Amino acid sequence: MGRRSDGAWLMERRPDKGLLGGMLGWPGSDWIDADAPRPTGTPPTSADWKAAEGEVRHTFTHFHLLLTVMTASVDSDEQLLFLGHNDFRPSDLPTVMRKAFDLIEK
């Protein structure tokens, strides 16, 4: 979860098809089977990304999801989707993304 110095959050719009289709969320890697090696994807932008303490657990109808949440202060000129501090409402996020937000806000 990236955040600029002005308080804006780095977001992504999920693909229209699939889980959480078309919804806003935090940028992330592909979701894979728990028995597979964890993805080492490329972060959405250069920053000093650090793992938050703990993990997010969420159950969908047909599988359990465990998320490692990475955080960073982001100052980027890249064309990325940022949602301003005054426009961001955690309650607008899908439940699994809200859980990630709640983890870092503890």
C-alpha atoms as a PDB file:
ATOM      1  CA  MET A   1       0.000   0.000   0.000  1.00  0.00           C
ATOM      2  CA  GLY A   2       1.668   3.146  -1.209  1.00  0.00           C
ATOM      3  CA  ARG A   3       0.947   6.609   0.038  1.00  0.00           C
ATOM      4  CA  ARG A   4       2.220   9.975  -1.171  1.00  0.00           C
ATOM      5  CA  SER A   5       3.337  12.748   1.159  1.00  0.00           C
ATOM      6  CA  ASP A   6       0.049  14.601   0.451  1.00  0.00           C
ATOM      7  CA  GLY A   7      -1.891  11.640   1.888  1.00  0.00           C
ATOM      8  CA  ALA A   8      -3.102  10.222  -1.456  1.00  0.00           C
ATOM      9  CA  TRP A   9      -3.284   6.409  -1.667  1.00  0.00           C
ATOM     10  CA  LEU A  10      -1.880   4.376  -4.564  1.00  0.00           C
ATOM     11  CA  MET A  11      -4.747   2.276  -5.932  1.00  0.00           C
ATOM     12  CA  GLU A  12      -5.568   0.057  -8.885  1.00  0.00           C
ATOM     13  CA  ARG A  13      -8.823  -0.812 -10.594  1.00  0.00           C
ATOM     14  CA  ARG A  14      -9.125  -4.579 -10.829  1.00  0.00           C
ATOM     15  CA  PRO A  15      -9.841  -6.158 -14.214  1.00  0.00           C
ATOM     16  CA  ASP A  16     -13.541  -6.212 -15.137  1.00  0.00           C
ATOM     17  CA  LYS A  17     -13.628 -10.001 -15.121  1.00  0.00           C
ATOM     18  CA  GLY A  18     -12.670 -12.195 -12.192  1.00  0.00           C
ATOM     19  CA  LEU A  19     -12.694 -11.732  -8.454  1.00  0.00           C
ATOM     20  CA  LEU A  20     -13.522  -8.208  -7.311  1.00  0.00           C
ATOM     21  CA  GLY A  21     -14.111  -7.316 -10.973  1.00  0.00           C
ATOM     22  CA  GLY A  22     -13.873  -3.588 -11.698  1.00  0.00           C
ATOM     23  CA  MET A  23     -13.386  -2.657  -8.031  1.00  0.00           C
ATOM     24  CA  LEU A  24     -10.740  -0.399  -6.538  1.00  0.00           C
ATOM     25  CA  GLY A  25      -8.047  -2.042  -4.494  1.00  0.00           C
ATOM     26  CA  TRP A  26      -4.393  -2.015  -3.599  1.00  0.00           C
ATOM     27  CA  PRO A  27      -1.912  -2.924  -6.332  1.00  0.00           C
ATOM     28  CA  GLY A  28      -0.630  -6.445  -5.907  1.00  0.00           C
ATOM     29  CA  SER A  29       0.677  -9.621  -7.433  1.00  0.00           C
ATOM     30  CA  ASP A  30      -1.361 -12.507  -8.819  1.00  0.00           C
ATOM     31  CA  TRP A  31      -3.231 -14.649  -6.322  1.00  0.00           C
ATOM     32  CA  ILE A  32      -1.884 -18.189  -6.430  1.00  0.00           C
ATOM     33  CA  ASP A  33      -2.408 -21.522  -4.680  1.00  0.00           C
ATOM     34  CA  ALA A  34      -0.945 -21.587  -1.176  1.00  0.00           C
ATOM     35  CA  ASP A  35       1.231 -24.593  -2.095  1.00  0.00           C
ATOM     36  CA  ALA A  36       2.931 -22.654  -4.919  1.00  0.00           C
ATOM     37  CA  PRO A  37       5.986 -20.459  -4.288  1.00  0.00           C
ATOM     38  CA  ARG A  38       5.042 -16.918  -3.309  1.00  0.00           C
ATOM     39  CA  PRO A  39       5.141 -14.505  -6.243  1.00  0.00           C
ATOM     40  CA  THR A  40       8.030 -12.065  -6.386  1.00  0.00           C
ATOM     41  CA  GLY A  41       6.246  -9.573  -8.651  1.00  0.00           C
ATOM     42  CA  THR A  42       7.527  -6.149  -9.490  1.00  0.00           C
ATOM     43  CA  PRO A  43       6.216  -3.382  -7.222  1.00  0.00           C
ATOM     44  CA  PRO A  44       3.956  -0.831  -8.931  1.00  0.00           C
ATOM     45  CA  THR A  45       6.612   1.877  -8.516  1.00  0.00           C
ATOM     46  CA  SER A  46      10.072   2.393  -7.022  1.00  0.00           C
ATOM     47  CA  ALA A  47       9.987   2.863  -3.265  1.00  0.00           C
ATOM     48  CA  ASP A  48      11.312   1.363  -0.048  1.00  0.00           C
ATOM     49  CA  TRP A  49       8.630  -1.342   0.288  1.00  0.00           C
ATOM     50  CA  LYS A  50       8.404  -3.088   3.667  1.00  0.00           C
ATOM     51  CA  ALA A  51       6.191  -5.944   4.840  1.00  0.00           C
ATOM     52  CA  ALA A  52       3.596  -4.985   7.440  1.00  0.00           C
ATOM     53  CA  GLU A  53       3.452  -7.083  10.596  1.00  0.00           C
ATOM     54  CA  GLY A  54       0.913  -9.852  10.317  1.00  0.00           C
ATOM     55  CA  GLU A  55      -1.083 -10.930   7.299  1.00  0.00           C
ATOM     56  CA  VAL A  56      -4.596 -10.590   5.952  1.00  0.00           C
ATOM     57  CA  ARG A  57      -6.810 -13.675   5.915  1.00  0.00           C
ATOM     58  CA  HIS A  58      -9.983 -13.702   3.869  1.00  0.00           C
ATOM     59  CA  THR A  59     -12.294 -16.474   2.745  1.00  0.00           C
ATOM     60  CA  PHE A  60     -14.073 -16.395  -0.575  1.00  0.00           C
ATOM     61  CA  THR A  61     -16.754 -18.963  -1.361  1.00  0.00           C
ATOM     62  CA  HIS A  62     -14.286 -21.427  -2.869  1.00  0.00           C
ATOM     63  CA  PHE A  63     -10.849 -20.634  -1.365  1.00  0.00           C
ATOM     64  CA  HIS A  64      -8.952 -18.990   1.483  1.00  0.00           C
ATOM     65  CA  LEU A  65      -6.652 -16.059   0.743  1.00  0.00           C
ATOM     66  CA  LEU A  66      -3.589 -15.021   2.744  1.00  0.00           C
ATOM     67  CA  LEU A  67      -2.068 -11.650   1.877  1.00  0.00           C
ATOM     68  CA  THR A  68       1.276 -10.204   2.839  1.00  0.00           C
ATOM     69  CA  VAL A  69       0.790  -6.437   2.875  1.00  0.00           C
ATOM     70  CA  MET A  70       3.666  -4.263   1.675  1.00  0.00           C
ATOM     71  CA  THR A  71       3.783  -0.542   2.484  1.00  0.00           C
ATOM     72  CA  ALA A  72       5.847   2.411   1.278  1.00  0.00           C
ATOM     73  CA  SER A  73       5.946   6.165   1.102  1.00  0.00           C
ATOM     74  CA  VAL A  74       5.647   6.878  -2.602  1.00  0.00           C
ATOM     75  CA  ASP A  75       6.664  10.007  -4.467  1.00  0.00           C
ATOM     76  CA  SER A  76       6.278   9.195  -8.121  1.00  0.00           C
ATOM     77  CA  ASP A  77       5.826  11.123 -11.340  1.00  0.00           C
ATOM     78  CA  GLU A  78       4.598   7.966 -13.085  1.00  0.00           C
ATOM     79  CA  GLN A  79       1.051   7.804 -14.415  1.00  0.00           C
ATOM     80  CA  LEU A  80      -0.403   5.847 -11.506  1.00  0.00           C
ATOM     81  CA  LEU A  81      -3.856   5.928  -9.947  1.00  0.00           C
ATOM     82  CA  PHE A  82      -3.834   7.884  -6.701  1.00  0.00           C
ATOM     83  CA  LEU A  83      -6.929   8.569  -4.645  1.00  0.00           C
ATOM     84  CA  GLY A  84      -6.690  11.798  -2.656  1.00  0.00           C
ATOM     85  CA  HIS A  85      -6.884  11.736   1.118  1.00  0.00           C
ATOM     86  CA  ASN A  86     -10.259  13.544   1.126  1.00  0.00           C
ATOM     87  CA  ASP A  87     -11.697  11.182  -1.524  1.00  0.00           C
ATOM     88  CA  PHE A  88     -10.577   7.962   0.162  1.00  0.00           C
ATOM     89  CA  ARG A  89     -13.113   6.092   2.275  1.00  0.00           C
ATOM     90  CA  PRO A  90     -12.009   2.659   3.521  1.00  0.00           C
ATOM     91  CA  SER A  91     -15.672   1.620   3.611  1.00  0.00           C
ATOM     92  CA  ASP A  92     -15.752   1.864  -0.215  1.00  0.00           C
ATOM     93  CA  LEU A  93     -13.190  -0.929  -0.531  1.00  0.00           C
ATOM     94  CA  PRO A  94     -14.071  -4.603  -0.972  1.00  0.00           C
ATOM     95  CA  THR A  95     -13.813  -6.447   2.351  1.00  0.00           C
ATOM     96  CA  VAL A  96     -10.452  -8.090   1.647  1.00  0.00           C
ATOM     97  CA  MET A  97      -8.905  -4.725   0.702  1.00  0.00           C
ATOM     98  CA  ARG A  98     -10.425  -3.136   3.811  1.00  0.00           C
ATOM     99  CA  LYS A  99      -8.765  -5.845   5.905  1.00  0.00           C
ATOM    100  CA  ALA A 100      -5.404  -4.858   4.396  1.00  0.00           C
ATOM    101  CA  PHE A 101      -6.081  -1.205   5.263  1.00  0.00           C
ATOM    102  CA  ASP A 102      -7.099  -2.146   8.808  1.00  0.00           C
ATOM    103  CA  LEU A 103      -3.850  -4.131   9.232  1.00  0.00           C
ATOM    104  CA  ILE A 104      -1.638  -1.124   8.565  1.00  0.00           C
ATOM    105  CA  GLU A 105      -3.837   1.292  10.520  1.00  0.00           C
ATOM    106  CA  LYS A 106      -3.403  -0.680  13.788  1.00  0.00           C
END
